[in-house]
Amino acid sequence: IFSPIYALTSFLSLLWPPMEGYLSIIKDFYEAYVIYMFLSFLIAVLGRGDRNVAVNVLARHADQMKEPTRCFSRCYHPAPDESPHAKAQAVLLECQILAMQFVFCRPVTSIASFVVTTLNDANHSTADSSNDDMNADDKRSGWSYFASPLFWIAMVQNVSVFLAFRGM
C-alpha cells in the first residue's frame, strides 16, 4: 500500500507545488510506519507474532548469521558468543534498534527540513537586492551548501537510512 500513497502525494505535489512540503511530511511519516510494519511482519512470519519463537527459529541458523556489531554490546544479555540462541537474540535486537532509529529519525528530519526550507524561503523573499547580490557571490563559492542546515539534515537522513538497511 506504500506505492499508492507515494504516487498520490507525488501527483498532488505536481498539481499544487506550494503543498509539496506538507505532502512530503505525510509521505515520510508513512514511510517510517511502513518500515516499522515490515519489521513487525518479519517477526510475525518467523515467530508467528512471538519474538521468542522468532529468536528460536533464527538460533537454528545462527552459524549463517553475521556477528552483531559491538556498538550495542551493552544491550546484549547474554553475550552473543555464549550460544546460538544468544547470537540470534542479539542479531534480532540489533535489527530492531537500527530499524526503530529510522522510524523515529525520519519524521523528525522531515519536519526539520520543511521548517528550514520554509524559513529560508521567507528570508529570501524579504531580503533586499543588495543582500541578494552578496548571497549570489556566496553561492558561487561552492562551499556554502556544506554550512547550510539542509546539508546536515540530509546527512542525518542518509546515515539513518544506511543504518536501517544495515539492520534489515
C-alpha atoms as a PDB file:
ATOM      1  CA  ILE A   1       0.000   0.000   0.000  1.00  0.00           C
ATOM      2  CA  PHE A   2       3.076   2.254   0.189  1.00  0.00           C
ATOM      3  CA  SER A   3       3.186   2.700  -3.593  1.00  0.00           C
ATOM      4  CA  PRO A   4      -0.290   4.277  -3.930  1.00  0.00           C
ATOM      5  CA  ILE A   5       0.373   6.708  -1.051  1.00  0.00           C
ATOM      6  CA  TYR A   6       3.732   7.675  -2.542  1.00  0.00           C
ATOM      7  CA  ALA A   7       2.208   8.061  -6.009  1.00  0.00           C
ATOM      8  CA  LEU A   8      -0.721  10.106  -4.693  1.00  0.00           C
ATOM      9  CA  THR A   9       1.459  12.514  -2.699  1.00  0.00           C
ATOM     10  CA  SER A  10       3.846  12.893  -5.647  1.00  0.00           C
ATOM     11  CA  PHE A  11       0.966  13.556  -8.047  1.00  0.00           C
ATOM     12  CA  LEU A  12      -0.636  16.084  -5.707  1.00  0.00           C
ATOM     13  CA  SER A  13       2.751  17.804  -5.347  1.00  0.00           C
ATOM     14  CA  LEU A  14       2.810  18.237  -9.105  1.00  0.00           C
ATOM     15  CA  LEU A  15      -0.698  19.672  -9.128  1.00  0.00           C
ATOM     16  CA  TRP A  16      -0.142  22.011  -6.161  1.00  0.00           C
ATOM     17  CA  PRO A  17       3.585  22.832  -5.833  1.00  0.00           C
ATOM     18  CA  PRO A  18       3.102  25.002  -2.710  1.00  0.00           C
ATOM     19  CA  MET A  19       1.753  21.921  -0.891  1.00  0.00           C
ATOM     20  CA  GLU A  20       4.842  19.818  -1.673  1.00  0.00           C
ATOM     21  CA  GLY A  21       6.395  20.320   1.770  1.00  0.00           C
ATOM     22  CA  TYR A  22       3.274  19.205   3.608  1.00  0.00           C
ATOM     23  CA  LEU A  23       2.775  16.208   1.327  1.00  0.00           C
ATOM     24  CA  SER A  24       6.422  15.240   1.764  1.00  0.00           C
ATOM     25  CA  ILE A  25       5.928  15.135   5.538  1.00  0.00           C
ATOM     26  CA  ILE A  26       2.935  12.825   5.089  1.00  0.00           C
ATOM     27  CA  LYS A  27       4.966  10.586   2.766  1.00  0.00           C
ATOM     28  CA  ASP A  28       7.924  10.438   5.158  1.00  0.00           C
ATOM     29  CA  PHE A  29       5.737   9.651   8.168  1.00  0.00           C
ATOM     30  CA  TYR A  30       4.103   6.856   6.211  1.00  0.00           C
ATOM     31  CA  GLU A  31       7.500   5.581   5.049  1.00  0.00           C
ATOM     32  CA  ALA A  32       8.608   5.277   8.679  1.00  0.00           C
ATOM     33  CA  TYR A  33       5.382   3.454   9.502  1.00  0.00           C
ATOM     34  CA  VAL A  34       5.922   1.033   6.601  1.00  0.00           C
ATOM     35  CA  ILE A  35       9.432   0.173   7.846  1.00  0.00           C
ATOM     36  CA  TYR A  36       8.035  -0.463  11.335  1.00  0.00           C
ATOM     37  CA  MET A  37       5.289  -2.671   9.921  1.00  0.00           C
ATOM     38  CA  PHE A  38       7.787  -4.560   7.743  1.00  0.00           C
ATOM     39  CA  LEU A  39       9.878  -5.389  10.803  1.00  0.00           C
ATOM     40  CA  SER A  40       6.727  -6.481  12.635  1.00  0.00           C
ATOM     41  CA  PHE A  41       5.785  -8.595   9.619  1.00  0.00           C
ATOM     42  CA  LEU A  42       9.175 -10.318   9.625  1.00  0.00           C
ATOM     43  CA  ILE A  43       8.847 -11.181  13.302  1.00  0.00           C
ATOM     44  CA  ALA A  44       5.271 -12.352  12.718  1.00  0.00           C
ATOM     45  CA  VAL A  45       6.343 -14.617   9.858  1.00  0.00           C
ATOM     46  CA  LEU A  46       9.362 -16.025  11.667  1.00  0.00           C
ATOM     47  CA  GLY A  47       7.777 -16.418  15.062  1.00  0.00           C
ATOM     48  CA  ARG A  48       4.034 -16.305  14.462  1.00  0.00           C
ATOM     49  CA  GLY A  49       3.895 -12.992  16.334  1.00  0.00           C
ATOM     50  CA  ASP A  50       6.080 -14.072  19.243  1.00  0.00           C
ATOM     51  CA  ARG A  51       9.592 -12.621  19.432  1.00  0.00           C
ATOM     52  CA  ASN A  52      10.904 -15.601  21.433  1.00  0.00           C
ATOM     53  CA  VAL A  53       9.735 -18.043  18.768  1.00  0.00           C
ATOM     54  CA  ALA A  54      11.430 -15.890  16.110  1.00  0.00           C
ATOM     55  CA  VAL A  55      14.666 -15.999  18.135  1.00  0.00           C
ATOM     56  CA  ASN A  56      14.398 -19.799  18.358  1.00  0.00           C
ATOM     57  CA  VAL A  57      13.937 -20.044  14.572  1.00  0.00           C
ATOM     58  CA  LEU A  58      16.932 -17.768  13.993  1.00  0.00           C
ATOM     59  CA  ALA A  59      19.015 -19.740  16.518  1.00  0.00           C
ATOM     60  CA  ARG A  60      18.713 -22.839  14.323  1.00  0.00           C
ATOM     61  CA  HIS A  61      20.564 -20.892  11.613  1.00  0.00           C
ATOM     62  CA  ALA A  62      22.969 -18.976  13.865  1.00  0.00           C
ATOM     63  CA  ASP A  63      26.029 -20.253  12.008  1.00  0.00           C
ATOM     64  CA  GLN A  64      24.824 -18.441   8.851  1.00  0.00           C
ATOM     65  CA  MET A  65      24.252 -15.072  10.581  1.00  0.00           C
ATOM     66  CA  LYS A  66      26.850 -12.332  10.772  1.00  0.00           C
ATOM     67  CA  GLU A  67      28.049 -11.332  14.200  1.00  0.00           C
ATOM     68  CA  PRO A  68      26.177  -8.365  15.681  1.00  0.00           C
ATOM     69  CA  THR A  69      28.114  -5.114  15.938  1.00  0.00           C
ATOM     70  CA  ARG A  70      29.935  -4.234  19.121  1.00  0.00           C
ATOM     71  CA  CYS A  71      28.383  -0.783  19.444  1.00  0.00           C
ATOM     72  CA  PHE A  72      25.285  -2.337  21.043  1.00  0.00           C
ATOM     73  CA  SER A  73      27.245  -4.818  23.181  1.00  0.00           C
ATOM     74  CA  ARG A  74      25.833  -3.391  26.415  1.00  0.00           C
ATOM     75  CA  CYS A  75      22.326  -4.256  25.195  1.00  0.00           C
ATOM     76  CA  TYR A  76      23.112  -7.939  24.602  1.00  0.00           C
ATOM     77  CA  HIS A  77      22.323 -10.161  27.535  1.00  0.00           C
ATOM     78  CA  PRO A  78      23.675 -12.827  27.409  1.00  0.00           C
ATOM     79  CA  ALA A  79      26.677 -12.121  25.182  1.00  0.00           C
ATOM     80  CA  PRO A  80      26.251 -13.265  21.550  1.00  0.00           C
ATOM     81  CA  ASP A  81      29.218 -15.631  21.693  1.00  0.00           C
ATOM     82  CA  GLU A  82      27.737 -17.710  24.534  1.00  0.00           C
ATOM     83  CA  SER A  83      25.250 -19.715  22.465  1.00  0.00           C
ATOM     84  CA  PRO A  84      23.386 -19.774  19.156  1.00  0.00           C
ATOM     85  CA  HIS A  85      20.267 -18.573  20.986  1.00  0.00           C
ATOM     86  CA  ALA A  86      22.167 -15.591  22.432  1.00  0.00           C
ATOM     87  CA  LYS A  87      23.568 -14.752  18.997  1.00  0.00           C
ATOM     88  CA  ALA A  88      20.125 -14.905  17.402  1.00  0.00           C
ATOM     89  CA  GLN A  89      18.685 -12.737  20.158  1.00  0.00           C
ATOM     90  CA  ALA A  90      21.472 -10.162  19.705  1.00  0.00           C
ATOM     91  CA  VAL A  91      21.054 -10.079  15.909  1.00  0.00           C
ATOM     92  CA  LEU A  92      17.295  -9.567  16.175  1.00  0.00           C
ATOM     93  CA  LEU A  93      17.737  -6.856  18.821  1.00  0.00           C
ATOM     94  CA  GLU A  94      20.259  -5.063  16.614  1.00  0.00           C
ATOM     95  CA  CYS A  95      17.836  -5.267  13.686  1.00  0.00           C
ATOM     96  CA  GLN A  96      15.064  -3.804  15.821  1.00  0.00           C
ATOM     97  CA  ILE A  97      17.256  -0.977  17.166  1.00  0.00           C
ATOM     98  CA  LEU A  98      18.510   0.017  13.725  1.00  0.00           C
ATOM     99  CA  ALA A  99      15.036  -0.080  12.191  1.00  0.00           C
ATOM    100  CA  MET A 100      13.470   1.861  15.049  1.00  0.00           C
ATOM    101  CA  GLN A 101      16.069   4.639  14.877  1.00  0.00           C
ATOM    102  CA  PHE A 102      14.856   5.207  11.304  1.00  0.00           C
ATOM    103  CA  VAL A 103      11.218   5.148  12.409  1.00  0.00           C
ATOM    104  CA  PHE A 104      11.914   7.947  14.890  1.00  0.00           C
ATOM    105  CA  CYS A 105      14.526   9.853  12.869  1.00  0.00           C
ATOM    106  CA  ARG A 106      12.695  10.077   9.537  1.00  0.00           C
ATOM    107  CA  PRO A 107       9.685  12.139  10.727  1.00  0.00           C
ATOM    108  CA  VAL A 108      11.907  14.456  12.791  1.00  0.00           C
ATOM    109  CA  THR A 109      14.286  15.161   9.901  1.00  0.00           C
ATOM    110  CA  SER A 110      11.365  15.580   7.512  1.00  0.00           C
ATOM    111  CA  ILE A 111       9.796  18.237   9.727  1.00  0.00           C
ATOM    112  CA  ALA A 112      13.185  19.912  10.280  1.00  0.00           C
ATOM    113  CA  SER A 113      13.809  20.029   6.536  1.00  0.00           C
ATOM    114  CA  PHE A 114      10.378  21.548   5.938  1.00  0.00           C
ATOM    115  CA  VAL A 115      10.886  24.184   8.646  1.00  0.00           C
ATOM    116  CA  VAL A 116      14.363  25.138   7.394  1.00  0.00           C
ATOM    117  CA  THR A 117      13.145  25.344   3.798  1.00  0.00           C
ATOM    118  CA  THR A 118      10.135  27.436   4.805  1.00  0.00           C
ATOM    119  CA  LEU A 119      12.259  29.807   6.899  1.00  0.00           C
ATOM    120  CA  ASN A 120      14.868  30.039   4.139  1.00  0.00           C
ATOM    121  CA  ASP A 121      12.193  30.897   1.563  1.00  0.00           C
ATOM    122  CA  ALA A 122      10.712  33.531   3.879  1.00  0.00           C
ATOM    123  CA  ASN A 123      14.149  35.101   4.468  1.00  0.00           C
ATOM    124  CA  HIS A 124      14.917  35.240   0.754  1.00  0.00           C
ATOM    125  CA  SER A 125      11.584  36.812  -0.085  1.00  0.00           C
ATOM    126  CA  THR A 126      12.109  39.664   2.417  1.00  0.00           C
ATOM    127  CA  ALA A 127      15.785  40.300   1.599  1.00  0.00           C
ATOM    128  CA  ASP A 128      16.652  43.444  -0.341  1.00  0.00           C
ATOM    129  CA  SER A 129      18.569  43.407  -3.623  1.00  0.00           C
ATOM    130  CA  SER A 130      21.961  44.228  -2.053  1.00  0.00           C
ATOM    131  CA  ASN A 131      21.774  41.133   0.115  1.00  0.00           C
ATOM    132  CA  ASP A 132      20.728  39.068  -2.892  1.00  0.00           C
ATOM    133  CA  ASP A 133      23.887  40.148  -4.727  1.00  0.00           C
ATOM    134  CA  MET A 134      26.008  39.199  -1.718  1.00  0.00           C
ATOM    135  CA  ASN A 135      24.242  35.825  -1.399  1.00  0.00           C
ATOM    136  CA  ALA A 136      24.792  35.148  -5.096  1.00  0.00           C
ATOM    137  CA  ASP A 137      28.549  35.665  -4.620  1.00  0.00           C
ATOM    138  CA  ASP A 138      28.475  33.408  -1.561  1.00  0.00           C
ATOM    139  CA  LYS A 139      26.649  30.694  -3.502  1.00  0.00           C
ATOM    140  CA  ARG A 140      29.247  30.780  -6.271  1.00  0.00           C
ATOM    141  CA  SER A 141      31.994  29.820  -3.820  1.00  0.00           C
ATOM    142  CA  GLY A 142      30.648  26.244  -3.744  1.00  0.00           C
ATOM    143  CA  TRP A 143      31.199  25.711  -0.034  1.00  0.00           C
ATOM    144  CA  SER A 144      28.132  27.498   1.312  1.00  0.00           C
ATOM    145  CA  TYR A 145      25.938  24.413   0.895  1.00  0.00           C
ATOM    146  CA  PHE A 146      28.097  22.440   3.343  1.00  0.00           C
ATOM    147  CA  ALA A 147      27.400  25.037   6.025  1.00  0.00           C
ATOM    148  CA  SER A 148      23.648  25.014   5.469  1.00  0.00           C
ATOM    149  CA  PRO A 149      21.230  23.206   7.793  1.00  0.00           C
ATOM    150  CA  LEU A 150      19.718  21.329   4.838  1.00  0.00           C
ATOM    151  CA  PHE A 151      23.073  19.654   4.168  1.00  0.00           C
ATOM    152  CA  TRP A 152      23.310  18.395   7.738  1.00  0.00           C
ATOM    153  CA  ILE A 153      19.681  17.270   7.764  1.00  0.00           C
ATOM    154  CA  ALA A 154      20.313  15.338   4.533  1.00  0.00           C
ATOM    155  CA  MET A 155      23.407  13.756   6.090  1.00  0.00           C
ATOM    156  CA  VAL A 156      21.440  12.636   9.150  1.00  0.00           C
ATOM    157  CA  GLN A 157      18.714  11.219   6.896  1.00  0.00           C
ATOM    158  CA  ASN A 158      21.226   9.313   4.765  1.00  0.00           C
ATOM    159  CA  VAL A 159      23.073   7.871   7.758  1.00  0.00           C
ATOM    160  CA  SER A 160      19.730   6.849   9.237  1.00  0.00           C
ATOM    161  CA  VAL A 161      18.717   5.099   6.009  1.00  0.00           C
ATOM    162  CA  PHE A 162      22.107   3.368   5.840  1.00  0.00           C
ATOM    163  CA  LEU A 163      21.757   2.093   9.396  1.00  0.00           C
ATOM    164  CA  ALA A 164      18.192   0.911   8.781  1.00  0.00           C
ATOM    165  CA  PHE A 165      19.248  -1.018   5.663  1.00  0.00           C
ATOM    166  CA  ARG A 166      22.206  -2.431   7.591  1.00  0.00           C
ATOM    167  CA  GLY A 167      19.812  -3.647  10.249  1.00  0.00           C
ATOM    168  CA  MET A 168      17.368  -5.195   7.838  1.00  0.00           C
END
